[in-house]
Amino acid sequence: MTESIVERTFRREDWYGEELTDREYVDCEFFDVDLTEATTRRVTFTNCVFSGVRFNASRHVDSAFLRCGFRRCTLFDAEFTGCKLVGSSFTESTLRPVTVLGGDWSFVGLAGADLRGVTIRDVRMRETDLAKADLTEAVLAGADLSGAILRGARLTRCDLRGSDLTTLDPTTVERSGAIIDAAQAMIVAQALGFDVRG
């Protein structure tokens, strides 16, 4: 049975190392809660607000943060495996070095985020806002970036192999040393106006 918690406010609570399983939080608010080294498994947060929450070294498996707002949160060394963050947004939050493996991060607001050195693999990121995000030396591999906003993003030495780059305008990003595969090179060349022939 899934335990449901609705419209609760949590302030300055110590959940260090807690293991949360099969729970559902709806319209809840979390202020200055310590979730360092906590684990969530099959936990769903819907329309929740996280402000000043510490997610450092936390682990999240098959969990969901749907339409949630993260403000001034720290996610140092946090890991998300098979999680959904559809419609969530991050502002003034520390997101590195975060690891995301699989899952759905579509429509997530990451504009201007410092994502240097993060690892994101095989994640659905349709229409995710990465405008002016710094992905220097990050791994953004195997991601579905269809419709993603990348204008002004810094992709310097970013590993993009296997990601969908069909909507990328290479003239609007910093791309020095970015790593792509042969199929992507064709797409980028065409976006630059080249007539690629065998």
Protein backbone atom coordinates (compact mmCIF):
# COMPACT_ATOMS: atom_id res chain seq x y z
CA MET A 1 0.00 0.00 0.00
CA THR A 2 1.21 3.48 -0.89
CA GLU A 3 1.09 5.98 1.96
CA SER A 4 -0.32 9.38 0.89
CA ILE A 5 0.67 12.68 2.47
CA VAL A 6 -1.29 15.71 1.23
CA GLU A 7 -0.76 19.44 1.80
CA ARG A 8 1.78 19.07 4.59
CA THR A 9 4.59 21.50 5.37
CA PHE A 10 7.94 20.22 6.63
CA ARG A 11 10.40 22.72 8.14
CA ARG A 12 14.00 22.13 9.23
CA GLU A 13 13.46 18.39 9.65
CA ASP A 14 16.36 15.96 9.80
CA TRP A 15 15.81 13.10 7.37
CA TYR A 16 19.49 12.28 7.07
CA GLY A 17 19.94 8.75 5.72
CA GLU A 18 16.20 8.05 5.75
CA GLU A 19 14.83 5.34 3.45
CA LEU A 20 11.51 6.39 1.92
CA THR A 21 9.56 3.71 0.06
CA ASP A 22 6.12 3.54 -1.56
CA ARG A 23 4.95 7.00 -0.51
CA GLU A 24 3.11 9.80 -2.27
CA TYR A 25 3.45 13.48 -1.38
CA VAL A 26 0.95 15.86 -3.00
CA ASP A 27 1.02 19.68 -2.72
CA CYS A 28 3.55 19.50 0.10
CA GLU A 29 6.23 22.04 1.02
CA PHE A 30 9.73 21.25 2.26
CA PHE A 31 11.82 24.05 3.80
CA ASP A 32 15.44 23.48 4.88
CA VAL A 33 14.92 19.73 5.20
CA ASP A 34 18.07 17.58 5.36
CA LEU A 35 17.79 14.62 2.96
CA THR A 36 21.55 13.98 2.84
CA GLU A 37 22.27 10.32 2.01
CA ALA A 38 18.53 9.61 1.99
CA THR A 39 17.05 7.04 -0.38
CA THR A 40 13.71 7.14 -2.16
CA ARG A 41 12.28 4.15 -3.96
CA ARG A 42 8.91 4.31 -5.73
CA VAL A 43 8.15 7.64 -4.04
CA THR A 44 6.11 10.28 -5.89
CA PHE A 45 6.16 14.01 -5.19
CA THR A 46 3.49 15.95 -7.11
CA ASN A 47 3.25 19.77 -7.15
CA CYS A 48 5.66 19.98 -4.23
CA VAL A 49 7.99 22.85 -3.30
CA PHE A 50 11.56 22.24 -2.12
CA SER A 51 13.35 25.28 -0.72
CA GLY A 52 16.81 25.08 0.80
CA VAL A 53 16.59 21.28 0.87
CA ARG A 54 19.82 19.28 1.02
CA PHE A 55 19.80 16.26 -1.30
CA ASN A 56 23.56 15.67 -1.04
CA ALA A 57 24.61 12.07 -1.78
CA SER A 58 20.95 11.03 -1.91
CA ARG A 59 19.78 8.15 -4.11
CA HIS A 60 16.45 8.06 -5.94
CA VAL A 61 15.21 4.94 -7.72
CA ASP A 62 11.99 4.69 -9.76
CA SER A 63 10.72 7.80 -8.01
CA ALA A 64 8.94 10.85 -9.44
CA PHE A 65 9.09 14.59 -8.84
CA LEU A 66 6.23 15.87 -11.01
CA ARG A 67 5.77 19.63 -11.51
CA CYS A 68 7.91 20.32 -8.47
CA GLY A 69 9.92 23.47 -7.78
CA PHE A 70 13.48 23.28 -6.45
CA ARG A 71 14.86 26.59 -5.15
CA ARG A 72 18.26 27.05 -3.50
CA CYS A 73 18.59 23.27 -3.10
CA THR A 74 21.88 21.37 -3.10
CA LEU A 75 22.14 18.08 -4.99
CA PHE A 76 25.87 17.43 -4.64
CA ASP A 77 26.57 13.83 -5.69
CA ALA A 78 22.84 13.00 -5.90
CA GLU A 79 21.81 10.14 -8.17
CA PHE A 80 18.53 9.57 -10.01
CA THR A 81 17.90 6.17 -11.61
CA GLY A 82 14.76 5.63 -13.69
CA CYS A 83 13.10 8.72 -12.20
CA LYS A 84 10.53 11.12 -13.67
CA LEU A 85 10.92 14.86 -13.14
CA VAL A 86 8.45 15.98 -15.79
CA GLY A 87 7.54 19.66 -15.54
CA SER A 88 9.82 20.42 -12.59
CA SER A 89 12.14 23.43 -12.38
CA PHE A 90 15.45 24.25 -10.69
CA THR A 91 16.45 27.78 -9.67
CA GLU A 92 19.54 28.87 -7.74
CA SER A 93 20.30 25.21 -7.02
CA THR A 94 23.59 23.29 -6.94
CA LEU A 95 23.33 20.41 -9.41
CA ARG A 96 26.86 19.16 -9.71
CA PRO A 97 28.07 16.54 -9.77
CA VAL A 98 24.64 14.94 -10.21
CA THR A 99 24.12 11.60 -12.01
CA VAL A 100 20.95 10.82 -13.97
CA LEU A 101 20.50 7.34 -15.44
CA GLY A 102 17.36 6.73 -17.49
CA GLY A 103 13.97 8.20 -16.73
CA ASP A 104 12.00 11.16 -18.05
CA TRP A 105 13.12 14.77 -17.52
CA SER A 106 10.89 16.29 -20.20
CA PHE A 107 9.75 19.91 -19.80
CA VAL A 108 12.21 20.44 -16.94
CA GLY A 109 13.44 23.99 -16.36
CA LEU A 110 17.25 24.04 -16.20
CA ALA A 111 17.87 27.41 -17.84
CA GLY A 112 21.20 28.87 -16.78
CA ALA A 113 22.02 25.85 -14.61
CA ASP A 114 25.63 24.98 -13.80
CA LEU A 115 25.84 21.39 -15.06
CA ARG A 116 29.60 21.15 -15.54
CA GLY A 117 30.79 17.57 -15.32
CA VAL A 118 27.37 16.02 -14.65
CA THR A 119 26.45 12.61 -16.07
CA ILE A 120 23.12 12.21 -17.87
CA ARG A 121 22.61 8.98 -19.80
CA ASP A 122 19.64 7.59 -21.74
CA VAL A 123 17.20 10.17 -20.40
CA ARG A 124 14.10 11.52 -22.13
CA MET A 125 14.50 15.32 -22.13
CA ARG A 126 11.90 16.49 -24.64
CA GLU A 127 11.41 20.25 -24.60
CA THR A 128 13.66 20.61 -21.56
CA ASP A 129 14.89 24.17 -21.11
CA LEU A 130 18.70 24.17 -21.16
CA ALA A 131 19.08 27.74 -22.41
CA LYS A 132 22.41 29.20 -21.26
CA ALA A 133 23.11 26.09 -19.18
CA ASP A 134 26.79 25.26 -18.68
CA LEU A 135 27.41 21.64 -19.74
CA THR A 136 31.18 21.93 -20.00
CA GLU A 137 32.78 18.46 -19.84
CA ALA A 138 29.40 16.91 -19.03
CA VAL A 139 28.11 13.60 -20.37
CA LEU A 140 24.76 14.06 -22.10
CA ALA A 141 24.66 10.79 -23.98
CA GLY A 142 21.76 8.84 -25.45
CA ALA A 143 19.32 11.61 -24.49
CA ASP A 144 16.11 12.42 -26.34
CA LEU A 145 16.59 16.18 -26.74
CA SER A 146 13.84 16.66 -29.33
CA GLY A 147 12.41 20.13 -28.90
CA ALA A 148 14.89 20.98 -26.14
CA ILE A 149 15.87 24.64 -25.77
CA LEU A 150 19.65 24.88 -26.11
CA ARG A 151 20.16 28.49 -27.18
CA GLY A 152 23.21 29.94 -25.47
CA ALA A 153 24.16 26.62 -23.85
CA ARG A 154 27.83 25.89 -23.28
CA LEU A 155 28.62 22.44 -24.70
CA THR A 156 32.40 22.74 -24.52
CA ARG A 157 33.93 19.23 -24.43
CA CYS A 158 30.47 17.80 -23.69
CA ASP A 159 29.92 14.17 -24.71
CA LEU A 160 26.72 14.20 -26.75
CA ARG A 161 27.07 10.85 -28.48
CA GLY A 162 23.80 9.10 -29.18
CA SER A 163 21.61 12.07 -28.26
CA ASP A 164 18.91 13.49 -30.52
CA LEU A 165 20.35 16.73 -31.93
CA THR A 166 17.79 17.31 -34.67
CA THR A 167 16.63 20.61 -33.18
CA LEU A 168 20.12 21.87 -32.26
CA ASP A 169 21.21 25.07 -33.96
CA PRO A 170 25.02 24.78 -33.70
CA THR A 171 25.42 28.50 -34.34
CA THR A 172 23.68 29.40 -31.06
CA VAL A 173 25.78 27.29 -28.66
CA GLU A 174 29.39 27.13 -27.50
CA ARG A 175 30.54 23.82 -28.95
CA SER A 176 34.34 23.76 -28.90
CA GLY A 177 35.52 20.19 -28.39
CA ALA A 178 32.00 18.77 -28.09
CA ILE A 179 31.98 15.03 -28.82
CA ILE A 180 29.48 13.63 -31.32
CA ASP A 181 29.21 10.48 -33.42
CA ALA A 182 29.21 10.13 -37.20
CA ALA A 183 25.40 10.19 -37.55
CA GLN A 184 25.20 13.35 -35.48
CA ALA A 185 27.95 14.95 -37.56
CA MET A 186 25.69 14.62 -40.60
CA ILE A 187 22.83 16.33 -38.76
CA VAL A 188 25.07 19.16 -37.55
CA ALA A 189 26.55 19.64 -41.03
CA GLN A 190 23.08 19.89 -42.53
CA ALA A 191 22.04 22.37 -39.84
CA LEU A 192 25.01 24.50 -40.92
CA GLY A 193 23.78 24.42 -44.50
CA PHE A 194 26.13 21.83 -45.92
CA ASP A 195 24.92 19.52 -48.70
CA VAL A 196 26.23 16.21 -47.43
CA ARG A 197 26.81 13.61 -50.18
CA GLY A 198 28.30 10.16 -50.06
